[in-house]
Amino acid sequence: MVDHTHALSFGAAASDYDRFRPRYPEAAVRWALDGLSRARVVDLAAGTGILTRAALTLGHHVVPVEPDPGMRAQLAAGTAGATALAGSAEAMPLPDSTADAVLVGTAYHWFDREPAHAEIARVLRPGGTFAPIWNIRDDSVDWVAELGRIAHFGDKSARLVAGEYPDFGPAFDAVEQREFTHRTTLTPAELLGMVRTRSYWLTAATGDQRQVERELSELLDTHPALVGRDTIDLPYRTLVLRARRR
């Protein structure tokens, strides 16, 4: 059973989450959707609608499903053309075999996988596509690795590259994988804003939050790649896993 305490902590920072979290590269979303056009897409664990908006821009009909009411409210405020439903990966308020694709943006690692796989398979039509997507900071860059240490990112996403999730269960074909590179540009203040949307920060004691702020300020003031910069390019690798429903 998955502990959802951290997963459900984001609603308190929904506005900042939507503002500071990275977007998904268009090429990654297109590949996730496996060449579909004008598809019926479920954005599962949709959060504030970052991935929902990416799929809408490509011309798809998108139904976001999100358990956190704060995140649903932010999605409604910032996303025209879609209405979020209250639901989870393990219980979606949708009929059987009605979706061409189910996308998940940087959230699959929170799921209780066996019941989630069964529920996703129920909602997908045969031949439909399931595709989790992650934006993973590029820790091969030394200051990005240090940022992760300071902010206690503890990024489960990085383990996916090593194949922690080799399949989506018996209802799905073999998983395909592809990576895309991109970057987001932030001011130093926006970098701190992004850190404040992370689950560690949102659930940490005040003293621990202050320590993160102090160490991050020191990093910005001393690292040669960051000192004196008005804006910072934060590099990402976007990982997409994709499989068809049998």
C-alpha atoms as a PDB file:
ATOM      1  CA  MET A   1       0.000   0.000   0.000  1.00  0.00           C
ATOM      2  CA  VAL A   2       1.324   3.431  -0.936  1.00  0.00           C
ATOM      3  CA  ASP A   3       1.505   6.205   1.699  1.00  0.00           C
ATOM      4  CA  HIS A   4      -0.320   9.145   0.063  1.00  0.00           C
ATOM      5  CA  THR A   5       0.588  11.710   2.764  1.00  0.00           C
ATOM      6  CA  HIS A   6       3.191  13.432   0.610  1.00  0.00           C
ATOM      7  CA  ALA A   7       1.210  12.958  -2.596  1.00  0.00           C
ATOM      8  CA  LEU A   8      -1.724  14.876  -1.116  1.00  0.00           C
ATOM      9  CA  SER A   9       0.399  17.695   0.310  1.00  0.00           C
ATOM     10  CA  PHE A  10       0.563  19.743  -2.897  1.00  0.00           C
ATOM     11  CA  GLY A  11      -2.862  21.373  -2.760  1.00  0.00           C
ATOM     12  CA  ALA A  12      -1.673  23.872  -0.142  1.00  0.00           C
ATOM     13  CA  ALA A  13       0.771  25.270  -2.719  1.00  0.00           C
ATOM     14  CA  ALA A  14      -1.362  24.766  -5.835  1.00  0.00           C
ATOM     15  CA  SER A  15      -0.914  28.259  -7.263  1.00  0.00           C
ATOM     16  CA  ASP A  16       2.874  28.177  -6.907  1.00  0.00           C
ATOM     17  CA  TYR A  17       2.952  24.595  -8.177  1.00  0.00           C
ATOM     18  CA  ASP A  18       1.234  25.690 -11.375  1.00  0.00           C
ATOM     19  CA  ARG A  19       3.504  28.699 -11.733  1.00  0.00           C
ATOM     20  CA  PHE A  20       6.906  27.151 -11.041  1.00  0.00           C
ATOM     21  CA  ARG A  21       6.761  23.486 -12.047  1.00  0.00           C
ATOM     22  CA  PRO A  22       8.209  22.724 -15.504  1.00  0.00           C
ATOM     23  CA  ARG A  23       6.061  22.160 -18.570  1.00  0.00           C
ATOM     24  CA  TYR A  24       6.301  19.055 -20.758  1.00  0.00           C
ATOM     25  CA  PRO A  25       8.006  19.220 -24.157  1.00  0.00           C
ATOM     26  CA  GLU A  26       5.529  18.983 -27.031  1.00  0.00           C
ATOM     27  CA  ALA A  27       7.561  16.197 -28.645  1.00  0.00           C
ATOM     28  CA  ALA A  28       7.310  14.125 -25.464  1.00  0.00           C
ATOM     29  CA  VAL A  29       3.528  14.523 -25.262  1.00  0.00           C
ATOM     30  CA  ARG A  30       3.118  13.644 -28.944  1.00  0.00           C
ATOM     31  CA  TRP A  31       5.189  10.496 -28.506  1.00  0.00           C
ATOM     32  CA  ALA A  32       3.272   9.548 -25.358  1.00  0.00           C
ATOM     33  CA  LEU A  33       0.035   9.720 -27.339  1.00  0.00           C
ATOM     34  CA  ASP A  34       1.415   7.328 -29.941  1.00  0.00           C
ATOM     35  CA  GLY A  35       0.372   9.296 -33.020  1.00  0.00           C
ATOM     36  CA  LEU A  36      -3.250   9.713 -31.922  1.00  0.00           C
ATOM     37  CA  SER A  37      -5.217  12.680 -33.245  1.00  0.00           C
ATOM     38  CA  ARG A  38      -8.263  14.243 -31.581  1.00  0.00           C
ATOM     39  CA  ALA A  39      -8.173  11.486 -28.987  1.00  0.00           C
ATOM     40  CA  ARG A  40     -10.172  11.043 -25.787  1.00  0.00           C
ATOM     41  CA  VAL A  41      -7.427  11.502 -23.189  1.00  0.00           C
ATOM     42  CA  VAL A  42      -7.592  11.070 -19.420  1.00  0.00           C
ATOM     43  CA  ASP A  43      -4.997  13.103 -17.529  1.00  0.00           C
ATOM     44  CA  LEU A  44      -4.754  11.035 -14.369  1.00  0.00           C
ATOM     45  CA  ALA A  45      -3.485  12.752 -11.200  1.00  0.00           C
ATOM     46  CA  ALA A  46      -3.767  15.923 -13.271  1.00  0.00           C
ATOM     47  CA  GLY A  47      -2.650  18.305 -10.542  1.00  0.00           C
ATOM     48  CA  THR A  48      -3.056  21.901 -11.667  1.00  0.00           C
ATOM     49  CA  GLY A  49      -3.459  20.980 -15.334  1.00  0.00           C
ATOM     50  CA  ILE A  50       0.069  21.403 -16.714  1.00  0.00           C
ATOM     51  CA  LEU A  51      -0.147  18.201 -18.781  1.00  0.00           C
ATOM     52  CA  THR A  52      -3.856  18.720 -19.461  1.00  0.00           C
ATOM     53  CA  ARG A  53      -3.084  22.018 -21.194  1.00  0.00           C
ATOM     54  CA  ALA A  54      -0.292  20.418 -23.221  1.00  0.00           C
ATOM     55  CA  ALA A  55      -2.700  17.764 -24.541  1.00  0.00           C
ATOM     56  CA  LEU A  56      -5.453  20.318 -25.191  1.00  0.00           C
ATOM     57  CA  THR A  57      -3.015  22.394 -27.254  1.00  0.00           C
ATOM     58  CA  LEU A  58      -2.472  19.347 -29.482  1.00  0.00           C
ATOM     59  CA  GLY A  59      -6.214  19.192 -30.193  1.00  0.00           C
ATOM     60  CA  HIS A  60      -7.277  16.357 -27.911  1.00  0.00           C
ATOM     61  CA  HIS A  61     -10.377  16.105 -25.713  1.00  0.00           C
ATOM     62  CA  VAL A  62      -9.008  15.858 -22.181  1.00  0.00           C
ATOM     63  CA  VAL A  63     -10.686  14.727 -18.961  1.00  0.00           C
ATOM     64  CA  PRO A  64      -8.510  15.517 -15.921  1.00  0.00           C
ATOM     65  CA  VAL A  65      -8.887  13.329 -12.827  1.00  0.00           C
ATOM     66  CA  GLU A  66      -7.361  14.616  -9.580  1.00  0.00           C
ATOM     67  CA  PRO A  67      -7.914  13.691  -5.886  1.00  0.00           C
ATOM     68  CA  ASP A  68      -6.792  16.975  -4.285  1.00  0.00           C
ATOM     69  CA  PRO A  69      -9.495  19.687  -4.163  1.00  0.00           C
ATOM     70  CA  GLY A  70      -6.918  22.488  -4.016  1.00  0.00           C
ATOM     71  CA  MET A  71      -5.272  21.242  -7.188  1.00  0.00           C
ATOM     72  CA  ARG A  72      -8.649  20.851  -8.925  1.00  0.00           C
ATOM     73  CA  ALA A  73      -9.543  24.437  -8.033  1.00  0.00           C
ATOM     74  CA  GLN A  74      -6.260  25.708  -9.505  1.00  0.00           C
ATOM     75  CA  LEU A  75      -6.811  23.604 -12.630  1.00  0.00           C
ATOM     76  CA  ALA A  76     -10.263  25.114 -13.080  1.00  0.00           C
ATOM     77  CA  ALA A  77      -8.862  28.628 -12.683  1.00  0.00           C
ATOM     78  CA  GLY A  78      -6.078  28.150 -15.211  1.00  0.00           C
ATOM     79  CA  THR A  79      -7.350  25.644 -17.759  1.00  0.00           C
ATOM     80  CA  ALA A  80     -10.016  26.470 -20.311  1.00  0.00           C
ATOM     81  CA  GLY A  81     -11.674  23.571 -22.073  1.00  0.00           C
ATOM     82  CA  ALA A  82     -11.457  20.920 -19.347  1.00  0.00           C
ATOM     83  CA  THR A  83     -13.218  20.177 -16.058  1.00  0.00           C
ATOM     84  CA  ALA A  84     -11.423  18.091 -13.456  1.00  0.00           C
ATOM     85  CA  LEU A  85     -13.192  15.152 -11.861  1.00  0.00           C
ATOM     86  CA  ALA A  86     -12.560  14.060  -8.281  1.00  0.00           C
ATOM     87  CA  GLY A  87     -10.928  10.661  -8.373  1.00  0.00           C
ATOM     88  CA  SER A  88      -7.722   8.695  -8.008  1.00  0.00           C
ATOM     89  CA  ALA A  89      -5.644   6.233 -10.000  1.00  0.00           C
ATOM     90  CA  GLU A  90      -7.297   3.425  -8.079  1.00  0.00           C
ATOM     91  CA  ALA A  91     -10.868   4.749  -8.532  1.00  0.00           C
ATOM     92  CA  MET A  92     -11.741   6.881 -11.564  1.00  0.00           C
ATOM     93  CA  PRO A  93     -15.325   8.147 -12.044  1.00  0.00           C
ATOM     94  CA  LEU A  94     -15.348   7.076 -15.695  1.00  0.00           C
ATOM     95  CA  PRO A  95     -17.106   4.327 -17.694  1.00  0.00           C
ATOM     96  CA  ASP A  96     -15.363   1.248 -19.038  1.00  0.00           C
ATOM     97  CA  SER A  97     -13.430   1.401 -22.331  1.00  0.00           C
ATOM     98  CA  THR A  98     -14.056   5.101 -22.962  1.00  0.00           C
ATOM     99  CA  ALA A  99     -10.518   6.523 -23.210  1.00  0.00           C
ATOM    100  CA  ASP A 100      -8.088   6.335 -26.109  1.00  0.00           C
ATOM    101  CA  ALA A 101      -5.206   7.236 -23.813  1.00  0.00           C
ATOM    102  CA  VAL A 102      -4.382   7.752 -20.150  1.00  0.00           C
ATOM    103  CA  LEU A 103      -1.512  10.126 -19.381  1.00  0.00           C
ATOM    104  CA  VAL A 104       0.128  10.672 -15.994  1.00  0.00           C
ATOM    105  CA  GLY A 105       2.424  13.664 -15.430  1.00  0.00           C
ATOM    106  CA  THR A 106       5.102  13.121 -12.754  1.00  0.00           C
ATOM    107  CA  ALA A 107       2.734  11.192 -10.477  1.00  0.00           C
ATOM    108  CA  TYR A 108       2.791   7.480 -11.357  1.00  0.00           C
ATOM    109  CA  HIS A 109       5.347   6.793  -8.610  1.00  0.00           C
ATOM    110  CA  TRP A 110       2.651   7.732  -6.039  1.00  0.00           C
ATOM    111  CA  PHE A 111       0.195   5.089  -7.295  1.00  0.00           C
ATOM    112  CA  ASP A 112      -0.735   1.806  -5.636  1.00  0.00           C
ATOM    113  CA  ARG A 113       0.350   0.058  -8.793  1.00  0.00           C
ATOM    114  CA  GLU A 114      -1.663  -3.191  -8.995  1.00  0.00           C
ATOM    115  CA  PRO A 115      -5.105  -1.644  -8.426  1.00  0.00           C
ATOM    116  CA  ALA A 116      -4.102   1.395 -10.496  1.00  0.00           C
ATOM    117  CA  HIS A 117      -3.097  -0.770 -13.456  1.00  0.00           C
ATOM    118  CA  ALA A 118      -6.408  -2.617 -13.278  1.00  0.00           C
ATOM    119  CA  GLU A 119      -8.372   0.634 -13.105  1.00  0.00           C
ATOM    120  CA  ILE A 120      -6.455   2.229 -15.980  1.00  0.00           C
ATOM    121  CA  ALA A 121      -7.028  -0.913 -18.076  1.00  0.00           C
ATOM    122  CA  ARG A 122     -10.744  -0.733 -17.278  1.00  0.00           C
ATOM    123  CA  VAL A 123     -11.052   2.843 -18.508  1.00  0.00           C
ATOM    124  CA  LEU A 124      -8.954   2.331 -21.669  1.00  0.00           C
ATOM    125  CA  ARG A 125     -10.384   0.869 -24.841  1.00  0.00           C
ATOM    126  CA  PRO A 126      -8.534  -2.207 -26.191  1.00  0.00           C
ATOM    127  CA  GLY A 127      -5.475  -0.919 -28.029  1.00  0.00           C
ATOM    128  CA  GLY A 128      -5.520   2.308 -26.039  1.00  0.00           C
ATOM    129  CA  THR A 129      -2.319   3.856 -24.706  1.00  0.00           C
ATOM    130  CA  PHE A 130      -1.114   4.296 -21.134  1.00  0.00           C
ATOM    131  CA  ALA A 131       1.812   6.719 -20.794  1.00  0.00           C
ATOM    132  CA  PRO A 132       3.354   8.064 -17.586  1.00  0.00           C
ATOM    133  CA  ILE A 133       5.664  11.061 -18.105  1.00  0.00           C
ATOM    134  CA  TRP A 134       8.263  12.546 -15.743  1.00  0.00           C
ATOM    135  CA  ASN A 135      10.299  15.710 -15.790  1.00  0.00           C
ATOM    136  CA  ILE A 136      13.573  14.689 -14.116  1.00  0.00           C
ATOM    137  CA  ARG A 137      16.192  17.276 -13.239  1.00  0.00           C
ATOM    138  CA  ASP A 138      19.509  16.550 -14.960  1.00  0.00           C
ATOM    139  CA  ASP A 139      21.687  15.654 -11.982  1.00  0.00           C
ATOM    140  CA  SER A 140      24.726  15.146 -14.220  1.00  0.00           C
ATOM    141  CA  VAL A 141      25.075  18.943 -13.860  1.00  0.00           C
ATOM    142  CA  ASP A 142      26.901  19.449 -10.561  1.00  0.00           C
ATOM    143  CA  TRP A 143      24.884  22.377  -9.214  1.00  0.00           C
ATOM    144  CA  VAL A 144      21.620  20.589 -10.048  1.00  0.00           C
ATOM    145  CA  ALA A 145      22.782  17.583  -8.034  1.00  0.00           C
ATOM    146  CA  GLU A 146      23.645  19.918  -5.146  1.00  0.00           C
ATOM    147  CA  LEU A 147      20.225  21.559  -5.420  1.00  0.00           C
ATOM    148  CA  GLY A 148      18.626  18.141  -5.081  1.00  0.00           C
ATOM    149  CA  ARG A 149      20.672  17.388  -1.958  1.00  0.00           C
ATOM    150  CA  ILE A 150      19.829  20.727  -0.346  1.00  0.00           C
ATOM    151  CA  ALA A 151      16.115  20.523  -1.087  1.00  0.00           C
ATOM    152  CA  HIS A 152      15.795  16.797  -0.222  1.00  0.00           C
ATOM    153  CA  PHE A 153      14.170  16.091  -3.565  1.00  0.00           C
ATOM    154  CA  GLY A 154      14.692  12.340  -3.111  1.00  0.00           C
ATOM    155  CA  ASP A 155      13.518  11.972  -6.677  1.00  0.00           C
ATOM    156  CA  LYS A 156      11.972   8.550  -7.268  1.00  0.00           C
ATOM    157  CA  SER A 157      11.799   9.427 -10.949  1.00  0.00           C
ATOM    158  CA  ALA A 158      15.531   8.937 -11.425  1.00  0.00           C
ATOM    159  CA  ARG A 159      15.194   5.247 -10.544  1.00  0.00           C
ATOM    160  CA  LEU A 160      12.833   4.747 -13.461  1.00  0.00           C
ATOM    161  CA  VAL A 161      15.747   4.991 -15.869  1.00  0.00           C
ATOM    162  CA  ALA A 162      17.177   1.889 -14.231  1.00  0.00           C
ATOM    163  CA  GLY A 163      13.930   0.026 -14.916  1.00  0.00           C
ATOM    164  CA  GLU A 164      12.224   0.034 -11.536  1.00  0.00           C
ATOM    165  CA  TYR A 165       8.839  -0.239 -13.292  1.00  0.00           C
ATOM    166  CA  PRO A 166       9.441  -2.800 -16.059  1.00  0.00           C
ATOM    167  CA  ASP A 167       5.782  -3.403 -16.907  1.00  0.00           C
ATOM    168  CA  PHE A 168       2.226  -2.226 -16.260  1.00  0.00           C
ATOM    169  CA  GLY A 169       0.742  -5.619 -15.466  1.00  0.00           C
ATOM    170  CA  PRO A 170      -0.981  -8.346 -17.472  1.00  0.00           C
ATOM    171  CA  ALA A 171      -3.470  -6.057 -19.242  1.00  0.00           C
ATOM    172  CA  PHE A 172      -0.697  -4.211 -21.104  1.00  0.00           C
ATOM    173  CA  ASP A 173       1.858  -4.969 -23.790  1.00  0.00           C
ATOM    174  CA  ALA A 174       5.576  -4.404 -23.237  1.00  0.00           C
ATOM    175  CA  VAL A 175       6.605  -0.918 -22.144  1.00  0.00           C
ATOM    176  CA  GLU A 176       8.437   1.356 -24.569  1.00  0.00           C
ATOM    177  CA  GLN A 177      10.663   4.137 -23.231  1.00  0.00           C
ATOM    178  CA  ARG A 178      12.036   7.374 -24.610  1.00  0.00           C
ATOM    179  CA  GLU A 179      13.779  10.433 -23.201  1.00  0.00           C
ATOM    180  CA  PHE A 180      13.583  14.067 -24.300  1.00  0.00           C
ATOM    181  CA  THR A 181      15.699  16.995 -23.103  1.00  0.00           C
ATOM    182  CA  HIS A 182      14.546  20.482 -22.268  1.00  0.00           C
ATOM    183  CA  ARG A 183      15.102  23.265 -19.748  1.00  0.00           C
ATOM    184  CA  THR A 184      13.148  25.847 -17.834  1.00  0.00           C
ATOM    185  CA  THR A 185      14.352  29.364 -17.079  1.00  0.00           C
ATOM    186  CA  LEU A 186      13.847  30.692 -13.556  1.00  0.00           C
ATOM    187  CA  THR A 187      14.980  33.672 -11.530  1.00  0.00           C
ATOM    188  CA  PRO A 188      16.679  32.849  -8.210  1.00  0.00           C
ATOM    189  CA  ALA A 189      13.427  33.771  -6.430  1.00  0.00           C
ATOM    190  CA  GLU A 190      11.463  31.464  -8.741  1.00  0.00           C
ATOM    191  CA  LEU A 191      13.927  28.638  -8.067  1.00  0.00           C
ATOM    192  CA  LEU A 192      13.137  28.983  -4.362  1.00  0.00           C
ATOM    193  CA  GLY A 193       9.442  29.119  -5.251  1.00  0.00           C
ATOM    194  CA  MET A 194       9.799  25.814  -7.106  1.00  0.00           C
ATOM    195  CA  VAL A 195      11.548  24.246  -4.102  1.00  0.00           C
ATOM    196  CA  ARG A 196       8.625  25.356  -1.918  1.00  0.00           C
ATOM    197  CA  THR A 197       6.242  23.271  -4.055  1.00  0.00           C
ATOM    198  CA  ARG A 198       8.066  20.023  -3.295  1.00  0.00           C
ATOM    199  CA  SER A 199       6.576  17.457  -0.924  1.00  0.00           C
ATOM    200  CA  TYR A 200       9.583  17.570   1.453  1.00  0.00           C
ATOM    201  CA  TRP A 201       9.200  21.317   1.964  1.00  0.00           C
ATOM    202  CA  LEU A 202       5.424  21.169   2.329  1.00  0.00           C
ATOM    203  CA  THR A 203       5.625  18.559   5.093  1.00  0.00           C
ATOM    204  CA  ALA A 204       8.870  19.729   6.795  1.00  0.00           C
ATOM    205  CA  ALA A 205       9.192  21.503  10.138  1.00  0.00           C
ATOM    206  CA  THR A 206       9.842  25.241  10.011  1.00  0.00           C
ATOM    207  CA  GLY A 207      13.449  24.805  11.134  1.00  0.00           C
ATOM    208  CA  ASP A 208      14.132  22.364   8.320  1.00  0.00           C
ATOM    209  CA  GLN A 209      12.561  24.748   5.810  1.00  0.00           C
ATOM    210  CA  ARG A 210      14.817  27.578   7.024  1.00  0.00           C
ATOM    211  CA  GLN A 211      17.889  25.351   6.622  1.00  0.00           C
ATOM    212  CA  VAL A 212      16.941  24.636   3.011  1.00  0.00           C
ATOM    213  CA  GLU A 213      16.601  28.376   2.385  1.00  0.00           C
ATOM    214  CA  ARG A 214      20.023  29.117   3.915  1.00  0.00           C
ATOM    215  CA  GLU A 215      21.826  26.397   1.953  1.00  0.00           C
ATOM    216  CA  LEU A 216      20.087  27.346  -1.290  1.00  0.00           C
ATOM    217  CA  SER A 217      21.055  30.996  -0.827  1.00  0.00           C
ATOM    218  CA  GLU A 218      24.651  29.929  -0.255  1.00  0.00           C
ATOM    219  CA  LEU A 219      24.602  27.816  -3.430  1.00  0.00           C
ATOM    220  CA  LEU A 220      23.258  30.740  -5.467  1.00  0.00           C
ATOM    221  CA  ASP A 221      25.854  33.087  -3.980  1.00  0.00           C
ATOM    222  CA  THR A 222      28.899  30.869  -4.425  1.00  0.00           C
ATOM    223  CA  HIS A 223      28.561  28.436  -7.347  1.00  0.00           C
ATOM    224  CA  PRO A 224      30.371  29.741 -10.453  1.00  0.00           C
ATOM    225  CA  ALA A 225      27.481  28.788 -12.752  1.00  0.00           C
ATOM    226  CA  LEU A 226      24.942  30.672 -10.616  1.00  0.00           C
ATOM    227  CA  VAL A 227      26.561  33.632  -8.873  1.00  0.00           C
ATOM    228  CA  GLY A 228      25.344  37.003 -10.128  1.00  0.00           C
ATOM    229  CA  ARG A 229      22.841  35.477 -12.547  1.00  0.00           C
ATOM    230  CA  ASP A 230      19.455  37.149 -13.045  1.00  0.00           C
ATOM    231  CA  THR A 231      18.048  33.959 -14.569  1.00  0.00           C
ATOM    232  CA  ILE A 232      19.023  30.306 -14.299  1.00  0.00           C
ATOM    233  CA  ASP A 233      18.472  27.543 -16.864  1.00  0.00           C
ATOM    234  CA  LEU A 234      17.425  24.390 -15.010  1.00  0.00           C
ATOM    235  CA  PRO A 235      18.016  21.369 -17.287  1.00  0.00           C
ATOM    236  CA  TYR A 236      15.594  18.454 -17.410  1.00  0.00           C
ATOM    237  CA  ARG A 237      15.316  15.042 -18.966  1.00  0.00           C
ATOM    238  CA  THR A 238      11.718  14.127 -19.745  1.00  0.00           C
ATOM    239  CA  LEU A 239      11.148  10.392 -19.498  1.00  0.00           C
ATOM    240  CA  VAL A 240       8.116   8.802 -21.164  1.00  0.00           C
ATOM    241  CA  LEU A 241       6.975   5.204 -20.703  1.00  0.00           C
ATOM    242  CA  ARG A 242       4.281   3.939 -23.091  1.00  0.00           C
ATOM    243  CA  ALA A 243       2.315   0.702 -23.455  1.00  0.00           C
ATOM    244  CA  ARG A 244      -0.835  -0.403 -25.261  1.00  0.00           C
ATOM    245  CA  ARG A 245      -3.810  -1.999 -23.563  1.00  0.00           C
ATOM    246  CA  ARG A 246      -4.293  -5.579 -24.723  1.00  0.00           C
END
